[in-house]
C-alpha atoms as a PDB file:
ATOM      1  CA  MET A   1      20.055 -24.182  -9.142  1.00  0.00           C
ATOM      2  CA  ASN A   2      22.677 -23.208  -6.580  1.00  0.00           C
ATOM      3  CA  GLN A   3      22.086 -23.306  -2.844  1.00  0.00           C
ATOM      4  CA  GLU A   4      21.429 -19.554  -2.522  1.00  0.00           C
ATOM      5  CA  ALA A   5      18.854 -19.593  -5.349  1.00  0.00           C
ATOM      6  CA  THR A   6      17.197 -22.645  -3.790  1.00  0.00           C
ATOM      7  CA  SER A   7      17.011 -20.875  -0.441  1.00  0.00           C
ATOM      8  CA  ILE A   8      15.382 -17.788  -2.023  1.00  0.00           C
ATOM      9  CA  ALA A   9      12.904 -19.969  -3.925  1.00  0.00           C
ATOM     10  CA  GLU A  10      11.974 -21.782  -0.699  1.00  0.00           C
ATOM     11  CA  ARG A  11      11.533 -18.497   1.157  1.00  0.00           C
ATOM     12  CA  LYS A  12       9.260 -17.211  -1.609  1.00  0.00           C
ATOM     13  CA  MET A  13       7.148 -20.376  -1.420  1.00  0.00           C
ATOM     14  CA  GLN A  14       6.851 -19.940   2.350  1.00  0.00           C
ATOM     15  CA  PHE A  15       6.002 -16.269   1.738  1.00  0.00           C
ATOM     16  CA  LEU A  16       3.033 -17.193  -0.486  1.00  0.00           C
ATOM     17  CA  TYR A  17       1.907 -19.900   1.938  1.00  0.00           C
ATOM     18  CA  ALA A  18       1.931 -17.341   4.759  1.00  0.00           C
ATOM     19  CA  LEU A  19      -0.243 -14.993   2.686  1.00  0.00           C
ATOM     20  CA  ARG A  20      -2.824 -17.706   2.030  1.00  0.00           C
ATOM     21  CA  SER A  21      -2.853 -18.811   5.665  1.00  0.00           C
ATOM     22  CA  LYS A  22      -3.615 -15.209   6.762  1.00  0.00           C
ATOM     23  CA  GLY A  23      -6.623 -14.966   4.442  1.00  0.00           C
ATOM     24  CA  VAL A  24      -5.215 -13.615   1.183  1.00  0.00           C
ATOM     25  CA  THR A  25      -7.087 -15.855  -1.257  1.00  0.00           C
ATOM     26  CA  ASP A  26      -7.746 -13.631  -4.292  1.00  0.00           C
ATOM     27  CA  THR A  27      -5.830 -15.189  -7.205  1.00  0.00           C
ATOM     28  CA  ARG A  28      -5.033 -11.869  -8.895  1.00  0.00           C
ATOM     29  CA  VAL A  29      -3.654 -10.438  -5.654  1.00  0.00           C
ATOM     30  CA  LEU A  30      -1.547 -13.542  -4.965  1.00  0.00           C
ATOM     31  CA  ASN A  31      -0.181 -13.479  -8.527  1.00  0.00           C
ATOM     32  CA  ALA A  32       0.696  -9.798  -8.181  1.00  0.00           C
ATOM     33  CA  MET A  33       2.470 -10.400  -4.877  1.00  0.00           C
ATOM     34  CA  GLU A  34       4.335 -13.346  -6.357  1.00  0.00           C
ATOM     35  CA  SER A  35       5.494 -11.213  -9.294  1.00  0.00           C
ATOM     36  CA  VAL A  36       6.767  -8.315  -7.160  1.00  0.00           C
ATOM     37  CA  ASP A  37       9.875  -9.233  -5.180  1.00  0.00           C
ATOM     38  CA  ARG A  38       9.792  -7.552  -1.750  1.00  0.00           C
ATOM     39  CA  GLY A  39      13.592  -7.753  -1.596  1.00  0.00           C
ATOM     40  CA  PRO A  40      14.467  -4.526  -3.481  1.00  0.00           C
ATOM     41  CA  PHE A  41      12.192  -2.496  -1.207  1.00  0.00           C
ATOM     42  CA  ILE A  42      14.200  -3.349   1.933  1.00  0.00           C
ATOM     43  CA  THR A  43      17.851  -2.430   2.299  1.00  0.00           C
ATOM     44  CA  GLY A  44      20.464  -2.532   5.026  1.00  0.00           C
ATOM     45  CA  LEU A  45      20.236  -4.608   8.177  1.00  0.00           C
ATOM     46  CA  PHE A  46      16.776  -5.997   7.477  1.00  0.00           C
ATOM     47  CA  ALA A  47      17.277  -7.039   3.831  1.00  0.00           C
ATOM     48  CA  GLU A  48      17.599 -10.728   4.745  1.00  0.00           C
ATOM     49  CA  ARG A  49      14.161 -10.618   6.402  1.00  0.00           C
ATOM     50  CA  ALA A  50      12.366  -9.408   3.262  1.00  0.00           C
ATOM     51  CA  TYR A  51      10.413 -12.658   2.848  1.00  0.00           C
ATOM     52  CA  GLU A  52       9.160 -12.842   6.428  1.00  0.00           C
ATOM     53  CA  ASP A  53       5.581 -11.824   7.196  1.00  0.00           C
ATOM     54  CA  MET A  54       6.463  -8.918   9.435  1.00  0.00           C
ATOM     55  CA  PRO A  55       6.647  -5.105   9.234  1.00  0.00           C
ATOM     56  CA  LEU A  56      10.173  -3.721   8.944  1.00  0.00           C
ATOM     57  CA  PRO A  57      11.669  -0.253   9.499  1.00  0.00           C
ATOM     58  CA  ILE A  58      12.605   1.880   6.497  1.00  0.00           C
ATOM     59  CA  ALA A  59      14.001   5.421   6.170  1.00  0.00           C
ATOM     60  CA  CYS A  60      12.378   8.567   7.635  1.00  0.00           C
ATOM     61  CA  GLY A  61      11.058   6.690  10.676  1.00  0.00           C
ATOM     62  CA  GLN A  62       8.505   4.801   8.572  1.00  0.00           C
ATOM     63  CA  THR A  63       7.810   1.090   8.101  1.00  0.00           C
ATOM     64  CA  ILE A  64       7.074  -1.319   5.286  1.00  0.00           C
ATOM     65  CA  SER A  65       3.870  -3.161   6.204  1.00  0.00           C
ATOM     66  CA  GLN A  66       3.877  -6.903   6.699  1.00  0.00           C
ATOM     67  CA  PRO A  67       3.007  -8.667   3.439  1.00  0.00           C
ATOM     68  CA  SER A  68      -0.179 -10.286   4.748  1.00  0.00           C
ATOM     69  CA  VAL A  69      -1.584  -6.849   5.648  1.00  0.00           C
ATOM     70  CA  VAL A  70      -0.586  -5.522   2.204  1.00  0.00           C
ATOM     71  CA  GLY A  71      -2.357  -8.511   0.676  1.00  0.00           C
ATOM     72  CA  LEU A  72      -5.509  -8.132   2.772  1.00  0.00           C
ATOM     73  CA  MET A  73      -5.740  -4.391   2.072  1.00  0.00           C
ATOM     74  CA  THR A  74      -5.225  -4.976  -1.643  1.00  0.00           C
ATOM     75  CA  GLN A  75      -7.806  -7.756  -1.654  1.00  0.00           C
ATOM     76  CA  ALA A  76     -10.341  -5.525   0.152  1.00  0.00           C
ATOM     77  CA  LEU A  77      -9.768  -2.799  -2.440  1.00  0.00           C
ATOM     78  CA  GLN A  78     -11.119  -5.057  -5.229  1.00  0.00           C
ATOM     79  CA  VAL A  79      -9.007  -3.429  -7.953  1.00  0.00           C
ATOM     80  CA  SER A  80      -9.980  -4.056 -11.560  1.00  0.00           C
ATOM     81  CA  PRO A  81      -7.649  -3.692 -14.594  1.00  0.00           C
ATOM     82  CA  ARG A  82      -9.283  -0.414 -15.711  1.00  0.00           C
ATOM     83  CA  ASP A  83      -9.084   1.310 -12.316  1.00  0.00           C
ATOM     84  CA  LYS A  84      -7.195   4.489 -11.466  1.00  0.00           C
ATOM     85  CA  VAL A  85      -5.878   4.138  -7.906  1.00  0.00           C
ATOM     86  CA  LEU A  86      -4.599   6.706  -5.404  1.00  0.00           C
ATOM     87  CA  GLU A  87      -2.287   5.577  -2.606  1.00  0.00           C
ATOM     88  CA  ILE A  88      -1.586   7.836   0.365  1.00  0.00           C
ATOM     89  CA  GLY A  89       1.734   6.889   1.976  1.00  0.00           C
ATOM     90  CA  THR A  90       4.241   5.617  -0.597  1.00  0.00           C
ATOM     91  CA  GLY A  91       6.718   4.446   2.025  1.00  0.00           C
ATOM     92  CA  SER A  92       9.018   1.890   0.439  1.00  0.00           C
ATOM     93  CA  GLY A  93       6.876   1.731  -2.716  1.00  0.00           C
ATOM     94  CA  TYR A  94       5.991  -1.937  -2.217  1.00  0.00           C
ATOM     95  CA  GLN A  95       2.217  -1.439  -1.974  1.00  0.00           C
ATOM     96  CA  ALA A  96       2.189   0.768  -5.091  1.00  0.00           C
ATOM     97  CA  ALA A  97       4.178  -1.863  -6.996  1.00  0.00           C
ATOM     98  CA  ILE A  98       1.576  -4.518  -6.107  1.00  0.00           C
ATOM     99  CA  LEU A  99      -1.236  -2.189  -7.195  1.00  0.00           C
ATOM    100  CA  SER A 100       0.538  -1.453 -10.479  1.00  0.00           C
ATOM    101  CA  LYS A 101       0.081  -5.111 -11.456  1.00  0.00           C
ATOM    102  CA  LEU A 102      -3.681  -4.881 -10.877  1.00  0.00           C
ATOM    103  CA  ALA A 103      -4.729  -1.375 -11.969  1.00  0.00           C
ATOM    104  CA  ARG A 104      -4.493   0.778 -15.088  1.00  0.00           C
ATOM    105  CA  ARG A 105      -2.791   3.662 -13.281  1.00  0.00           C
ATOM    106  CA  VAL A 106      -1.434   4.241  -9.775  1.00  0.00           C
ATOM    107  CA  TYR A 107      -0.752   7.634  -8.190  1.00  0.00           C
ATOM    108  CA  THR A 108       1.145   7.441  -4.914  1.00  0.00           C
ATOM    109  CA  ILE A 109       1.884  10.312  -2.525  1.00  0.00           C
ATOM    110  CA  ASP A 110       4.279  10.619   0.392  1.00  0.00           C
ATOM    111  CA  ARG A 111       5.278  13.576   2.560  1.00  0.00           C
ATOM    112  CA  HIS A 112       8.939  12.458   2.571  1.00  0.00           C
ATOM    113  CA  ARG A 113      10.885  13.444  -0.553  1.00  0.00           C
ATOM    114  CA  ARG A 114      13.574  10.854   0.124  1.00  0.00           C
ATOM    115  CA  LEU A 115      11.078   7.982   0.169  1.00  0.00           C
ATOM    116  CA  VAL A 116       9.468   9.163  -3.080  1.00  0.00           C
ATOM    117  CA  HIS A 117      12.883   9.466  -4.768  1.00  0.00           C
ATOM    118  CA  GLU A 118      13.965   5.990  -3.655  1.00  0.00           C
ATOM    119  CA  ALA A 119      10.621   4.453  -4.643  1.00  0.00           C
ATOM    120  CA  ARG A 120      10.844   6.030  -8.119  1.00  0.00           C
ATOM    121  CA  GLU A 121      14.256   4.429  -8.611  1.00  0.00           C
ATOM    122  CA  ILE A 122      12.881   1.001  -7.693  1.00  0.00           C
ATOM    123  CA  PHE A 123       9.841   1.444  -9.962  1.00  0.00           C
ATOM    124  CA  ALA A 124      12.168   2.336 -12.847  1.00  0.00           C
ATOM    125  CA  SER A 125      14.434  -0.651 -12.163  1.00  0.00           C
ATOM    126  CA  LEU A 126      11.386  -2.968 -12.198  1.00  0.00           C
ATOM    127  CA  ASP A 127       9.971  -1.284 -15.332  1.00  0.00           C
ATOM    128  CA  LEU A 128       6.745  -0.320 -13.532  1.00  0.00           C
ATOM    129  CA  VAL A 129       5.733   2.479 -15.900  1.00  0.00           C
ATOM    130  CA  ASN A 130       2.133   2.999 -14.739  1.00  0.00           C
ATOM    131  CA  ILE A 131       3.054   4.504 -11.326  1.00  0.00           C
ATOM    132  CA  THR A 132       3.379   8.243 -10.666  1.00  0.00           C
ATOM    133  CA  ALA A 133       5.044   9.037  -7.315  1.00  0.00           C
ATOM    134  CA  ILE A 134       4.612  12.524  -5.866  1.00  0.00           C
ATOM    135  CA  THR A 135       5.951  14.374  -2.808  1.00  0.00           C
ATOM    136  CA  ALA A 136       2.981  16.146  -1.220  1.00  0.00           C
ATOM    137  CA  ASP A 137       0.659  16.284   1.784  1.00  0.00           C
ATOM    138  CA  GLY A 138      -1.375  13.152   1.230  1.00  0.00           C
ATOM    139  CA  SER A 139      -4.189  14.224   3.556  1.00  0.00           C
ATOM    140  CA  HIS A 140      -5.348  16.526   0.738  1.00  0.00           C
ATOM    141  CA  GLY A 141      -5.295  13.778  -1.878  1.00  0.00           C
ATOM    142  CA  LEU A 142      -4.596  14.654  -5.517  1.00  0.00           C
ATOM    143  CA  ASP A 143      -7.438  16.809  -6.719  1.00  0.00           C
ATOM    144  CA  GLU A 144      -6.045  17.368 -10.224  1.00  0.00           C
ATOM    145  CA  GLN A 145      -6.311  13.637 -11.009  1.00  0.00           C
ATOM    146  CA  ALA A 146      -9.636  12.997  -9.222  1.00  0.00           C
ATOM    147  CA  PRO A 147     -11.948  11.194  -9.194  1.00  0.00           C
ATOM    148  CA  PHE A 148     -10.339   7.858  -8.355  1.00  0.00           C
ATOM    149  CA  ASP A 149     -11.872   4.392  -8.649  1.00  0.00           C
ATOM    150  CA  ARG A 150      -9.950   3.203  -5.609  1.00  0.00           C
ATOM    151  CA  ILE A 151      -8.078   4.936  -2.758  1.00  0.00           C
ATOM    152  CA  ILE A 152      -5.809   3.196  -0.251  1.00  0.00           C
ATOM    153  CA  VAL A 153      -4.305   4.902   2.808  1.00  0.00           C
ATOM    154  CA  THR A 154      -1.347   3.300   4.566  1.00  0.00           C
ATOM    155  CA  ALA A 155      -1.336   5.580   7.621  1.00  0.00           C
ATOM    156  CA  ALA A 156      -3.982   5.876  10.323  1.00  0.00           C
ATOM    157  CA  ALA A 157      -6.404   8.797  10.570  1.00  0.00           C
ATOM    158  CA  GLU A 158      -9.023   9.259  13.287  1.00  0.00           C
ATOM    159  CA  ASP A 159     -11.664   9.429  10.560  1.00  0.00           C
ATOM    160  CA  PRO A 160     -11.574   8.993   6.761  1.00  0.00           C
ATOM    161  CA  PRO A 161     -10.252  12.367   5.485  1.00  0.00           C
ATOM    162  CA  GLY A 162     -12.943  14.468   3.819  1.00  0.00           C
ATOM    163  CA  PRO A 163     -10.826  15.479   0.799  1.00  0.00           C
ATOM    164  CA  LEU A 164     -10.150  11.805   0.020  1.00  0.00           C
ATOM    165  CA  LEU A 165     -13.828  10.878   0.262  1.00  0.00           C
ATOM    166  CA  ALA A 166     -14.612  13.775  -2.090  1.00  0.00           C
ATOM    167  CA  GLN A 167     -12.074  12.463  -4.620  1.00  0.00           C
ATOM    168  CA  LEU A 168     -13.538   8.945  -4.601  1.00  0.00           C
ATOM    169  CA  LYS A 169     -15.683   8.116  -7.635  1.00  0.00           C
ATOM    170  CA  MET A 170     -19.300   7.076  -7.146  1.00  0.00           C
ATOM    171  CA  GLY A 171     -19.181   3.308  -6.675  1.00  0.00           C
ATOM    172  CA  GLY A 172     -15.553   3.611  -5.602  1.00  0.00           C
ATOM    173  CA  ILE A 173     -13.848   1.928  -2.646  1.00  0.00           C
ATOM    174  CA  MET A 174     -11.395   3.306  -0.086  1.00  0.00           C
ATOM    175  CA  VAL A 175      -9.461   1.106   2.344  1.00  0.00           C
ATOM    176  CA  LEU A 176      -7.692   2.670   5.311  1.00  0.00           C
ATOM    177  CA  PRO A 177      -6.825   2.213   8.996  1.00  0.00           C
ATOM    178  CA  VAL A 178      -8.725   4.466  11.410  1.00  0.00           C
ATOM    179  CA  GLY A 179      -8.056   5.144  15.061  1.00  0.00           C
ATOM    180  CA  GLN A 180      -5.604   6.962  17.291  1.00  0.00           C
ATOM    181  CA  SER A 181      -1.984   6.049  16.715  1.00  0.00           C
ATOM    182  CA  ASP A 182      -1.387   4.916  20.302  1.00  0.00           C
ATOM    183  CA  ALA A 183      -4.566   2.835  20.516  1.00  0.00           C
ATOM    184  CA  VAL A 184      -6.148  -0.019  18.612  1.00  0.00           C
ATOM    185  CA  GLN A 185      -6.788   0.857  15.000  1.00  0.00           C
ATOM    186  CA  HIS A 186      -9.280  -0.783  12.669  1.00  0.00           C
ATOM    187  CA  LEU A 187      -8.880  -1.430   8.992  1.00  0.00           C
ATOM    188  CA  ILE A 188     -12.058  -0.331   7.263  1.00  0.00           C
ATOM    189  CA  ARG A 189     -13.462  -0.357   3.747  1.00  0.00           C
ATOM    190  CA  VAL A 190     -15.603   2.603   2.657  1.00  0.00           C
ATOM    191  CA  THR A 191     -17.847   2.190  -0.401  1.00  0.00           C
ATOM    192  CA  LYS A 192     -19.319   5.335  -1.947  1.00  0.00           C
ATOM    193  CA  THR A 193     -22.876   4.764  -3.189  1.00  0.00           C
ATOM    194  CA  ALA A 194     -25.826   6.887  -4.273  1.00  0.00           C
ATOM    195  CA  ASP A 195     -27.301   6.201  -0.824  1.00  0.00           C
ATOM    196  CA  GLY A 196     -24.217   7.451   1.014  1.00  0.00           C
ATOM    197  CA  LEU A 197     -21.078   5.906   2.464  1.00  0.00           C
ATOM    198  CA  HIS A 198     -21.083   2.262   3.546  1.00  0.00           C
ATOM    199  CA  TYR A 199     -18.480   1.096   6.067  1.00  0.00           C
ATOM    200  CA  ASP A 200     -17.119  -2.417   6.611  1.00  0.00           C
ATOM    201  CA  GLU A 201     -14.744  -3.128   9.496  1.00  0.00           C
ATOM    202  CA  LEU A 202     -12.139  -5.687   8.414  1.00  0.00           C
ATOM    203  CA  ARG A 203      -9.643  -6.281  11.234  1.00  0.00           C
ATOM    204  CA  SER A 204      -7.437  -4.688  13.903  1.00  0.00           C
ATOM    205  CA  VAL A 205      -4.151  -3.204  12.665  1.00  0.00           C
ATOM    206  CA  ARG A 206      -1.334  -0.894  13.750  1.00  0.00           C
ATOM    207  CA  PHE A 207      -0.063   1.817  11.380  1.00  0.00           C
ATOM    208  CA  VAL A 208       1.949   5.027  11.686  1.00  0.00           C
ATOM    209  CA  PRO A 209      -0.289   8.127  11.962  1.00  0.00           C
ATOM    210  CA  LEU A 210      -1.409  10.138   8.941  1.00  0.00           C
ATOM    211  CA  LEU A 211       0.310  13.518   9.359  1.00  0.00           C
ATOM    212  CA  GLU A 212      -0.344  16.784   7.589  1.00  0.00           C
ATOM    213  CA  GLY A 213       2.386  18.793   5.870  1.00  0.00           C
ATOM    214  CA  LEU A 214       5.669  17.660   4.375  1.00  0.00           C
ATOM    215  CA  GLY A 215       8.451  15.733   6.104  1.00  0.00           C
ATOM    216  CA  LYS A 216      11.523  17.594   7.349  1.00  0.00           C
ATOM    217  CA  ASP A 217      13.560  16.187   4.448  1.00  0.00           C
ATOM    218  CA  SER A 218      11.176  17.619   1.835  1.00  0.00           C
END
């Protein structure tokens, strides 16, 4: 193994150690994150920082979340192999790629056409055939494919959006950040039961706001 390959292998080991140390302990989630290289999802100036546990800027003024937050959100979602998952906020496509290793089908929506196009190219290059990426207003969800077993939102809303709650299957789980974009946000898990909605607060986070409509590039 040459020096560059050794360096990448060491960085990946440190990457997995960082995930575990931040509370990502689910074996299926760790295996999925080990199998999906974060490198292809980050280009340009920040490519060499792909294996660091930190958020990084991507196109259209968006960010790729830090891996430990991706891991904790995925772990909280409790995805099973038969689940159909909806993701709001494709971004780089990294979160959807992780979910594709855990779920039967992943639908991911972003308001920026450029991000969806670039994510599709990465999914194709990694042979991730169970992801459908769509340019649309994610705040409305994807009614034609509802209901969903799991929904994950990677942008902060003040409250869980009503259309998304309506598209969540009975017994389903939604994980999302809530709070104003310039204040402290909280990552919450919503479980839909026959008795109503049950909320669990998981941790403080900071995400870009969930915006209605399409991006200027779309």
